[in-house]
Amino acid sequence: MLIVAVPLALALLGPLFAPGPGPRAASFTEGGGHWLGTDFVGRDVWRQVLLGGRPVVLTALAATALAYLVALPLGLAAALTHRPWLEELLMRPLDVLLAVPSLLTILLVAAVFSPDATALALLVALVNVPDAARIVRAAATEAAARPAVEALRMQGESWWRVAVGYVGRSLTRTLAADAGVRLTGVLYLVSTAAFLGVGVAPDAADWAVMVDRNRTGLFVQPWAVVVPALLIVALTMGANLLFDAALERKTLERKTLERKRGSRT
């Protein structure tokens, strides 16, 4: 919990406590009122750390949410349709997108359109839709084959009630397991894109940009690179571990409940 709490707190609350810009010092210096030293243009590294996490976290969360927002209806529609041609129409274009490496897609689009932070979130969401939709479809296909779904259809229940009310609810565990891995991958893509200068200004207060722009002074003033790099690693690892722990807790609670029910019978 602590491994993700520290970078998440810095990302969300850091800008509220960031000091003013102040006068710039010499590049890659230590001390002088800057307890983490200065960066490649003489700015206070601690201030940049406090300001640089929010863009990474908000972009990653927005991209993950948008990916599921598109993938869920696509996967459910493909799993519940009785028309093979419709399933092919929905899934085959996604397979084509899945064949292209995500980072390559982002770099190609960035070379043409020069996206900003909002466009980067949309682009990262887009490259995550095919894989997420395939996972939703696979899990929903299994749930759709249950007798309860056929009973709901025979009772004349609407597609929405069947897809969301029953099949969608049965995907909770699968999506929870996928969400941790998905968010980790999205954080990797967002950080890598920012490291390569996609979607952010070259001197932006961003953890990934800090790693890129300050790496020339790594052996002179390492904190400007080490601190943001460790925060990114802790955030990605912590997010995955947090989702895994929550899933294990839910599994344990479900098994305990089943044992209690079995003992009563």
C-alpha atoms as a PDB file:
ATOM      1  CA  MET A   1       0.000   0.000   0.000  1.00  0.00           C
ATOM      2  CA  LEU A   2       2.791   2.413   0.929  1.00  0.00           C
ATOM      3  CA  ILE A   3       4.597   1.787  -2.342  1.00  0.00           C
ATOM      4  CA  VAL A   4       1.727   3.346  -4.298  1.00  0.00           C
ATOM      5  CA  ALA A   5       0.530   5.803  -1.643  1.00  0.00           C
ATOM      6  CA  VAL A   6       3.676   7.935  -1.741  1.00  0.00           C
ATOM      7  CA  PRO A   7       3.812   8.594  -5.519  1.00  0.00           C
ATOM      8  CA  LEU A   8       0.024   8.894  -5.710  1.00  0.00           C
ATOM      9  CA  ALA A   9      -0.062  11.448  -2.873  1.00  0.00           C
ATOM     10  CA  LEU A  10       2.762  13.425  -4.476  1.00  0.00           C
ATOM     11  CA  ALA A  11       0.986  13.345  -7.835  1.00  0.00           C
ATOM     12  CA  LEU A  12      -2.431  14.425  -6.576  1.00  0.00           C
ATOM     13  CA  LEU A  13      -1.503  16.724  -3.678  1.00  0.00           C
ATOM     14  CA  GLY A  14       1.979  17.851  -4.686  1.00  0.00           C
ATOM     15  CA  PRO A  15       0.876  20.900  -6.725  1.00  0.00           C
ATOM     16  CA  LEU A  16      -0.971  22.241  -3.652  1.00  0.00           C
ATOM     17  CA  PHE A  17       2.263  22.351  -1.645  1.00  0.00           C
ATOM     18  CA  ALA A  18       4.730  23.240  -4.379  1.00  0.00           C
ATOM     19  CA  PRO A  19       6.758  26.376  -3.562  1.00  0.00           C
ATOM     20  CA  GLY A  20       6.958  29.302  -5.927  1.00  0.00           C
ATOM     21  CA  PRO A  21       9.349  29.167  -8.883  1.00  0.00           C
ATOM     22  CA  GLY A  22      11.923  31.477  -7.324  1.00  0.00           C
ATOM     23  CA  PRO A  23      15.137  32.558  -9.014  1.00  0.00           C
ATOM     24  CA  ARG A  24      16.953  29.979 -11.090  1.00  0.00           C
ATOM     25  CA  ALA A  25      20.359  28.723 -10.038  1.00  0.00           C
ATOM     26  CA  ALA A  26      23.132  27.078 -12.024  1.00  0.00           C
ATOM     27  CA  SER A  27      22.292  23.811 -13.773  1.00  0.00           C
ATOM     28  CA  PHE A  28      22.831  20.512 -11.941  1.00  0.00           C
ATOM     29  CA  THR A  29      23.892  21.946  -8.586  1.00  0.00           C
ATOM     30  CA  GLU A  30      23.293  20.661  -5.082  1.00  0.00           C
ATOM     31  CA  GLY A  31      22.453  22.644  -1.953  1.00  0.00           C
ATOM     32  CA  GLY A  32      21.862  26.362  -2.066  1.00  0.00           C
ATOM     33  CA  GLY A  33      18.369  26.010  -0.608  1.00  0.00           C
ATOM     34  CA  HIS A  34      17.468  23.208  -3.071  1.00  0.00           C
ATOM     35  CA  TRP A  35      17.539  20.027  -1.031  1.00  0.00           C
ATOM     36  CA  LEU A  36      17.195  17.861  -4.141  1.00  0.00           C
ATOM     37  CA  GLY A  37      19.390  20.170  -6.177  1.00  0.00           C
ATOM     38  CA  THR A  38      18.576  21.846  -9.478  1.00  0.00           C
ATOM     39  CA  ASP A  39      17.732  20.458 -12.902  1.00  0.00           C
ATOM     40  CA  PHE A  40      19.124  21.048 -16.385  1.00  0.00           C
ATOM     41  CA  VAL A  41      17.913  24.672 -16.497  1.00  0.00           C
ATOM     42  CA  GLY A  42      18.529  25.504 -12.848  1.00  0.00           C
ATOM     43  CA  ARG A  43      15.007  24.891 -11.493  1.00  0.00           C
ATOM     44  CA  ASP A  44      14.384  23.395  -8.070  1.00  0.00           C
ATOM     45  CA  VAL A  45      14.050  19.618  -8.484  1.00  0.00           C
ATOM     46  CA  TRP A  46      11.755  19.221  -5.456  1.00  0.00           C
ATOM     47  CA  ARG A  47       9.302  21.724  -6.937  1.00  0.00           C
ATOM     48  CA  GLN A  48       9.373  19.876 -10.262  1.00  0.00           C
ATOM     49  CA  VAL A  49       8.752  16.573  -8.462  1.00  0.00           C
ATOM     50  CA  LEU A  50       5.698  18.020  -6.692  1.00  0.00           C
ATOM     51  CA  LEU A  51       4.313  19.378  -9.967  1.00  0.00           C
ATOM     52  CA  GLY A  52       5.307  16.538 -12.290  1.00  0.00           C
ATOM     53  CA  GLY A  53       3.200  13.613 -11.091  1.00  0.00           C
ATOM     54  CA  ARG A  54      -0.292  14.919 -11.731  1.00  0.00           C
ATOM     55  CA  PRO A  55       0.005  14.947 -15.579  1.00  0.00           C
ATOM     56  CA  VAL A  56       1.238  11.338 -15.593  1.00  0.00           C
ATOM     57  CA  VAL A  57      -1.434  10.025 -13.214  1.00  0.00           C
ATOM     58  CA  LEU A  58      -4.397  11.915 -14.660  1.00  0.00           C
ATOM     59  CA  THR A  59      -3.472  11.034 -18.250  1.00  0.00           C
ATOM     60  CA  ALA A  60      -3.051   7.344 -17.341  1.00  0.00           C
ATOM     61  CA  LEU A  61      -6.341   7.176 -15.403  1.00  0.00           C
ATOM     62  CA  ALA A  62      -8.236   8.973 -18.173  1.00  0.00           C
ATOM     63  CA  ALA A  63      -6.761   6.698 -20.855  1.00  0.00           C
ATOM     64  CA  THR A  64      -7.596   3.539 -18.877  1.00  0.00           C
ATOM     65  CA  ALA A  65     -11.179   4.666 -18.234  1.00  0.00           C
ATOM     66  CA  LEU A  66     -11.699   5.625 -21.882  1.00  0.00           C
ATOM     67  CA  ALA A  67     -10.296   2.285 -23.066  1.00  0.00           C
ATOM     68  CA  TYR A  68     -12.809   0.337 -20.959  1.00  0.00           C
ATOM     69  CA  LEU A  69     -15.604   2.738 -21.913  1.00  0.00           C
ATOM     70  CA  VAL A  70     -15.138   1.709 -25.546  1.00  0.00           C
ATOM     71  CA  ALA A  71     -14.050  -1.908 -25.014  1.00  0.00           C
ATOM     72  CA  LEU A  72     -16.964  -2.931 -22.782  1.00  0.00           C
ATOM     73  CA  PRO A  73     -19.819  -2.303 -25.252  1.00  0.00           C
ATOM     74  CA  LEU A  74     -17.754  -3.718 -28.137  1.00  0.00           C
ATOM     75  CA  GLY A  75     -16.884  -6.902 -26.259  1.00  0.00           C
ATOM     76  CA  LEU A  76     -20.402  -7.390 -24.922  1.00  0.00           C
ATOM     77  CA  ALA A  77     -21.965  -6.809 -28.344  1.00  0.00           C
ATOM     78  CA  ALA A  78     -19.596  -9.315 -29.961  1.00  0.00           C
ATOM     79  CA  ALA A  79     -20.253 -11.940 -27.276  1.00  0.00           C
ATOM     80  CA  LEU A  80     -24.040 -11.631 -27.193  1.00  0.00           C
ATOM     81  CA  THR A  81     -24.840 -11.279 -30.866  1.00  0.00           C
ATOM     82  CA  HIS A  82     -26.312 -14.232 -32.763  1.00  0.00           C
ATOM     83  CA  ARG A  83     -25.059 -12.821 -36.054  1.00  0.00           C
ATOM     84  CA  PRO A  84     -21.546 -14.068 -36.938  1.00  0.00           C
ATOM     85  CA  TRP A  85     -21.092 -11.314 -39.517  1.00  0.00           C
ATOM     86  CA  LEU A  86     -21.650  -8.668 -36.835  1.00  0.00           C
ATOM     87  CA  GLU A  87     -19.091 -10.268 -34.553  1.00  0.00           C
ATOM     88  CA  GLU A  88     -16.594 -10.317 -37.417  1.00  0.00           C
ATOM     89  CA  LEU A  89     -17.358  -6.677 -38.187  1.00  0.00           C
ATOM     90  CA  LEU A  90     -16.719  -5.682 -34.592  1.00  0.00           C
ATOM     91  CA  MET A  91     -13.634  -7.766 -33.803  1.00  0.00           C
ATOM     92  CA  ARG A  92     -11.585  -8.052 -36.995  1.00  0.00           C
ATOM     93  CA  PRO A  93     -10.643  -4.327 -37.183  1.00  0.00           C
ATOM     94  CA  LEU A  94      -9.517  -4.598 -33.569  1.00  0.00           C
ATOM     95  CA  ASP A  95      -7.298  -7.553 -34.455  1.00  0.00           C
ATOM     96  CA  VAL A  96      -5.628  -5.411 -37.124  1.00  0.00           C
ATOM     97  CA  LEU A  97      -4.951  -2.665 -34.575  1.00  0.00           C
ATOM     98  CA  LEU A  98      -3.670  -5.265 -32.112  1.00  0.00           C
ATOM     99  CA  ALA A  99      -1.064  -6.413 -34.635  1.00  0.00           C
ATOM    100  CA  VAL A 100       0.625  -2.993 -34.626  1.00  0.00           C
ATOM    101  CA  PRO A 101       2.898  -2.260 -31.610  1.00  0.00           C
ATOM    102  CA  SER A 102       1.249   0.318 -29.347  1.00  0.00           C
ATOM    103  CA  LEU A 103       4.262   2.588 -28.988  1.00  0.00           C
ATOM    104  CA  LEU A 104       4.866   2.537 -32.735  1.00  0.00           C
ATOM    105  CA  THR A 105       1.268   3.632 -33.321  1.00  0.00           C
ATOM    106  CA  ILE A 106       1.658   6.496 -30.858  1.00  0.00           C
ATOM    107  CA  LEU A 107       4.917   7.649 -32.436  1.00  0.00           C
ATOM    108  CA  LEU A 108       3.515   7.502 -35.972  1.00  0.00           C
ATOM    109  CA  VAL A 109       0.452   9.528 -35.033  1.00  0.00           C
ATOM    110  CA  ALA A 110       2.559  11.978 -33.034  1.00  0.00           C
ATOM    111  CA  ALA A 111       4.853  12.521 -36.024  1.00  0.00           C
ATOM    112  CA  VAL A 112       1.864  13.702 -38.067  1.00  0.00           C
ATOM    113  CA  PHE A 113      -0.436  15.482 -35.604  1.00  0.00           C
ATOM    114  CA  SER A 114       1.777  16.583 -32.638  1.00  0.00           C
ATOM    115  CA  PRO A 115      -0.788  15.678 -29.961  1.00  0.00           C
ATOM    116  CA  ASP A 116      -1.229  17.529 -26.678  1.00  0.00           C
ATOM    117  CA  ALA A 117      -1.875  15.842 -23.311  1.00  0.00           C
ATOM    118  CA  THR A 118      -5.582  15.319 -24.051  1.00  0.00           C
ATOM    119  CA  ALA A 119      -4.874  13.814 -27.458  1.00  0.00           C
ATOM    120  CA  LEU A 120      -2.198  11.594 -25.893  1.00  0.00           C
ATOM    121  CA  ALA A 121      -4.758  10.204 -23.434  1.00  0.00           C
ATOM    122  CA  LEU A 122      -7.151   9.471 -26.311  1.00  0.00           C
ATOM    123  CA  LEU A 123      -4.379   7.843 -28.336  1.00  0.00           C
ATOM    124  CA  VAL A 124      -3.226   5.629 -25.457  1.00  0.00           C
ATOM    125  CA  ALA A 125      -6.844   4.650 -24.835  1.00  0.00           C
ATOM    126  CA  LEU A 126      -7.271   3.757 -28.505  1.00  0.00           C
ATOM    127  CA  VAL A 127      -4.295   1.393 -28.595  1.00  0.00           C
ATOM    128  CA  ASN A 128      -5.579  -0.349 -25.452  1.00  0.00           C
ATOM    129  CA  VAL A 129      -9.117  -0.896 -26.768  1.00  0.00           C
ATOM    130  CA  PRO A 130      -8.391  -4.006 -28.930  1.00  0.00           C
ATOM    131  CA  ASP A 131      -6.832  -6.066 -26.142  1.00  0.00           C
ATOM    132  CA  ALA A 132      -9.398  -4.949 -23.552  1.00  0.00           C
ATOM    133  CA  ALA A 133     -12.280  -5.717 -25.940  1.00  0.00           C
ATOM    134  CA  ARG A 134     -10.930  -9.221 -26.598  1.00  0.00           C
ATOM    135  CA  ILE A 135     -10.742  -9.914 -22.851  1.00  0.00           C
ATOM    136  CA  VAL A 136     -14.296  -8.627 -22.339  1.00  0.00           C
ATOM    137  CA  ARG A 137     -15.566 -10.718 -25.252  1.00  0.00           C
ATOM    138  CA  ALA A 138     -13.872 -13.913 -24.012  1.00  0.00           C
ATOM    139  CA  ALA A 139     -15.256 -13.532 -20.492  1.00  0.00           C
ATOM    140  CA  ALA A 140     -18.688 -12.439 -21.714  1.00  0.00           C
ATOM    141  CA  THR A 141     -18.945 -15.371 -24.147  1.00  0.00           C
ATOM    142  CA  GLU A 142     -18.576 -17.799 -21.254  1.00  0.00           C
ATOM    143  CA  ALA A 143     -21.165 -15.938 -19.185  1.00  0.00           C
ATOM    144  CA  ALA A 144     -23.550 -15.692 -22.154  1.00  0.00           C
ATOM    145  CA  ALA A 145     -23.581 -19.505 -22.506  1.00  0.00           C
ATOM    146  CA  ARG A 146     -25.088 -19.992 -19.038  1.00  0.00           C
ATOM    147  CA  PRO A 147     -28.687 -21.197 -18.722  1.00  0.00           C
ATOM    148  CA  ALA A 148     -29.620 -18.019 -16.845  1.00  0.00           C
ATOM    149  CA  VAL A 149     -28.991 -15.921 -19.957  1.00  0.00           C
ATOM    150  CA  GLU A 150     -31.201 -18.165 -22.083  1.00  0.00           C
ATOM    151  CA  ALA A 151     -33.904 -17.951 -19.420  1.00  0.00           C
ATOM    152  CA  LEU A 152     -33.728 -14.152 -19.456  1.00  0.00           C
ATOM    153  CA  ARG A 153     -34.068 -14.133 -23.238  1.00  0.00           C
ATOM    154  CA  MET A 154     -37.058 -16.485 -23.133  1.00  0.00           C
ATOM    155  CA  GLN A 155     -38.709 -14.143 -20.642  1.00  0.00           C
ATOM    156  CA  GLY A 156     -38.355 -11.322 -23.172  1.00  0.00           C
ATOM    157  CA  GLU A 157     -35.787  -9.316 -21.246  1.00  0.00           C
ATOM    158  CA  SER A 158     -34.136  -6.514 -23.196  1.00  0.00           C
ATOM    159  CA  TRP A 159     -30.612  -6.765 -24.579  1.00  0.00           C
ATOM    160  CA  TRP A 160     -29.539  -4.074 -22.124  1.00  0.00           C
ATOM    161  CA  ARG A 161     -30.847  -6.067 -19.154  1.00  0.00           C
ATOM    162  CA  VAL A 162     -29.101  -9.226 -20.314  1.00  0.00           C
ATOM    163  CA  ALA A 163     -25.823  -7.563 -21.309  1.00  0.00           C
ATOM    164  CA  VAL A 164     -25.430  -5.157 -18.409  1.00  0.00           C
ATOM    165  CA  GLY A 165     -27.667  -6.588 -15.717  1.00  0.00           C
ATOM    166  CA  TYR A 166     -26.353 -10.146 -15.838  1.00  0.00           C
ATOM    167  CA  VAL A 167     -23.395 -10.681 -18.187  1.00  0.00           C
ATOM    168  CA  GLY A 168     -21.784  -7.338 -17.351  1.00  0.00           C
ATOM    169  CA  ARG A 169     -22.006  -8.004 -13.622  1.00  0.00           C
ATOM    170  CA  SER A 170     -20.348 -11.381 -14.072  1.00  0.00           C
ATOM    171  CA  LEU A 171     -17.276  -9.677 -15.592  1.00  0.00           C
ATOM    172  CA  THR A 172     -16.363  -7.832 -12.386  1.00  0.00           C
ATOM    173  CA  ARG A 173     -13.608 -10.215 -11.298  1.00  0.00           C
ATOM    174  CA  THR A 174     -12.128 -10.485 -14.781  1.00  0.00           C
ATOM    175  CA  LEU A 175     -12.058  -6.717 -15.237  1.00  0.00           C
ATOM    176  CA  ALA A 176     -10.610  -6.216 -11.759  1.00  0.00           C
ATOM    177  CA  ALA A 177      -7.772  -8.605 -12.588  1.00  0.00           C
ATOM    178  CA  ASP A 178      -7.192  -6.923 -15.933  1.00  0.00           C
ATOM    179  CA  ALA A 179      -7.405  -3.368 -14.576  1.00  0.00           C
ATOM    180  CA  GLY A 180      -4.169  -3.613 -12.596  1.00  0.00           C
ATOM    181  CA  VAL A 181      -2.212  -4.907 -15.573  1.00  0.00           C
ATOM    182  CA  ARG A 182      -3.959  -2.457 -17.900  1.00  0.00           C
ATOM    183  CA  LEU A 183      -3.176   0.563 -15.719  1.00  0.00           C
ATOM    184  CA  THR A 184       0.452  -0.535 -15.428  1.00  0.00           C
ATOM    185  CA  GLY A 185       0.729  -0.787 -19.209  1.00  0.00           C
ATOM    186  CA  VAL A 186      -0.953   2.574 -19.676  1.00  0.00           C
ATOM    187  CA  LEU A 187       1.411   4.213 -17.193  1.00  0.00           C
ATOM    188  CA  TYR A 188       4.305   2.716 -19.125  1.00  0.00           C
ATOM    189  CA  LEU A 189       2.994   4.070 -22.431  1.00  0.00           C
ATOM    190  CA  VAL A 190       2.220   7.525 -21.041  1.00  0.00           C
ATOM    191  CA  SER A 191       5.624   7.771 -19.354  1.00  0.00           C
ATOM    192  CA  THR A 192       7.458   6.500 -22.430  1.00  0.00           C
ATOM    193  CA  ALA A 193       5.590   8.907 -24.702  1.00  0.00           C
ATOM    194  CA  ALA A 194       6.405  11.821 -22.374  1.00  0.00           C
ATOM    195  CA  PHE A 195      10.021  10.642 -22.190  1.00  0.00           C
ATOM    196  CA  LEU A 196      10.141  10.832 -25.989  1.00  0.00           C
ATOM    197  CA  GLY A 197       8.528  14.270 -25.985  1.00  0.00           C
ATOM    198  CA  VAL A 198       5.079  13.216 -27.200  1.00  0.00           C
ATOM    199  CA  GLY A 199       2.155  15.197 -25.756  1.00  0.00           C
ATOM    200  CA  VAL A 200       4.234  17.380 -23.432  1.00  0.00           C
ATOM    201  CA  ALA A 201       6.518  20.392 -23.741  1.00  0.00           C
ATOM    202  CA  PRO A 202      10.277  19.718 -23.612  1.00  0.00           C
ATOM    203  CA  ASP A 203      10.607  21.622 -20.332  1.00  0.00           C
ATOM    204  CA  ALA A 204       7.273  20.565 -18.765  1.00  0.00           C
ATOM    205  CA  ALA A 205       6.983  19.651 -15.112  1.00  0.00           C
ATOM    206  CA  ASP A 206       6.500  15.927 -15.752  1.00  0.00           C
ATOM    207  CA  TRP A 207       8.269  12.989 -14.119  1.00  0.00           C
ATOM    208  CA  ALA A 208       9.047  11.287 -17.412  1.00  0.00           C
ATOM    209  CA  VAL A 209      10.275  14.534 -18.970  1.00  0.00           C
ATOM    210  CA  MET A 210      12.480  15.078 -15.923  1.00  0.00           C
ATOM    211  CA  VAL A 211      14.140  11.691 -16.475  1.00  0.00           C
ATOM    212  CA  ASP A 212      14.759  12.482 -20.136  1.00  0.00           C
ATOM    213  CA  ARG A 213      15.954  16.073 -19.848  1.00  0.00           C
ATOM    214  CA  ASN A 214      18.145  15.573 -16.795  1.00  0.00           C
ATOM    215  CA  ARG A 215      19.869  12.326 -17.783  1.00  0.00           C
ATOM    216  CA  THR A 216      22.876  14.232 -19.146  1.00  0.00           C
ATOM    217  CA  GLY A 217      23.660  15.289 -15.579  1.00  0.00           C
ATOM    218  CA  LEU A 218      23.025  11.908 -13.979  1.00  0.00           C
ATOM    219  CA  PHE A 219      26.541  11.592 -12.574  1.00  0.00           C
ATOM    220  CA  VAL A 220      26.708  15.240 -11.545  1.00  0.00           C
ATOM    221  CA  GLN A 221      23.325  15.679  -9.844  1.00  0.00           C
ATOM    222  CA  PRO A 222      21.566  12.267  -9.821  1.00  0.00           C
ATOM    223  CA  TRP A 223      18.477  13.265  -7.801  1.00  0.00           C
ATOM    224  CA  ALA A 224      16.928  15.035 -10.791  1.00  0.00           C
ATOM    225  CA  VAL A 225      16.759  11.641 -12.547  1.00  0.00           C
ATOM    226  CA  VAL A 226      16.642   9.086  -9.738  1.00  0.00           C
ATOM    227  CA  VAL A 227      13.711  10.569  -7.776  1.00  0.00           C
ATOM    228  CA  PRO A 228      11.189  10.861 -10.668  1.00  0.00           C
ATOM    229  CA  ALA A 229      12.309   7.494 -12.073  1.00  0.00           C
ATOM    230  CA  LEU A 230      11.746   5.774  -8.719  1.00  0.00           C
ATOM    231  CA  LEU A 231       8.338   7.448  -8.371  1.00  0.00           C
ATOM    232  CA  ILE A 232       7.249   6.152 -11.790  1.00  0.00           C
ATOM    233  CA  VAL A 233       8.461   2.628 -10.972  1.00  0.00           C
ATOM    234  CA  ALA A 234       6.768   2.691  -7.561  1.00  0.00           C
ATOM    235  CA  LEU A 235       3.529   3.926  -9.095  1.00  0.00           C
ATOM    236  CA  THR A 236       3.403   1.233 -11.791  1.00  0.00           C
ATOM    237  CA  MET A 237       4.421  -1.614  -9.479  1.00  0.00           C
ATOM    238  CA  GLY A 238       2.229  -0.380  -6.637  1.00  0.00           C
ATOM    239  CA  ALA A 239      -0.867  -0.066  -8.803  1.00  0.00           C
ATOM    240  CA  ASN A 240      -0.540  -3.658  -9.987  1.00  0.00           C
ATOM    241  CA  LEU A 241       0.139  -4.976  -6.473  1.00  0.00           C
ATOM    242  CA  LEU A 242      -2.810  -3.015  -5.098  1.00  0.00           C
ATOM    243  CA  PHE A 243      -5.231  -4.526  -7.612  1.00  0.00           C
ATOM    244  CA  ASP A 244      -3.809  -8.007  -6.979  1.00  0.00           C
ATOM    245  CA  ALA A 245      -4.258  -7.605  -3.224  1.00  0.00           C
ATOM    246  CA  ALA A 246      -7.835  -6.391  -3.640  1.00  0.00           C
ATOM    247  CA  LEU A 247      -8.629  -9.334  -5.920  1.00  0.00           C
ATOM    248  CA  GLU A 248      -7.119 -11.838  -3.480  1.00  0.00           C
ATOM    249  CA  ARG A 249      -9.137 -10.312  -0.646  1.00  0.00           C
ATOM    250  CA  LYS A 250     -12.358 -10.616  -2.637  1.00  0.00           C
ATOM    251  CA  THR A 251     -11.515 -14.225  -3.501  1.00  0.00           C
ATOM    252  CA  LEU A 252     -10.876 -15.036   0.151  1.00  0.00           C
ATOM    253  CA  GLU A 253     -14.157 -13.394   1.186  1.00  0.00           C
ATOM    254  CA  ARG A 254     -16.053 -15.352  -1.470  1.00  0.00           C
ATOM    255  CA  LYS A 255     -14.526 -18.670  -0.370  1.00  0.00           C
ATOM    256  CA  THR A 256     -15.289 -17.884   3.272  1.00  0.00           C
ATOM    257  CA  LEU A 257     -18.901 -17.094   2.394  1.00  0.00           C
ATOM    258  CA  GLU A 258     -19.222 -20.321   0.395  1.00  0.00           C
ATOM    259  CA  ARG A 259     -17.849 -22.352   3.317  1.00  0.00           C
ATOM    260  CA  LYS A 260     -20.351 -20.716   5.684  1.00  0.00           C
ATOM    261  CA  ARG A 261     -23.208 -21.521   3.323  1.00  0.00           C
ATOM    262  CA  GLY A 262     -21.982 -25.104   2.999  1.00  0.00           C
ATOM    263  CA  SER A 263     -21.804 -25.547   6.770  1.00  0.00           C
ATOM    264  CA  ARG A 264     -25.393 -24.293   7.162  1.00  0.00           C
ATOM    265  CA  THR A 265     -26.692 -26.810   4.665  1.00  0.00           C
END
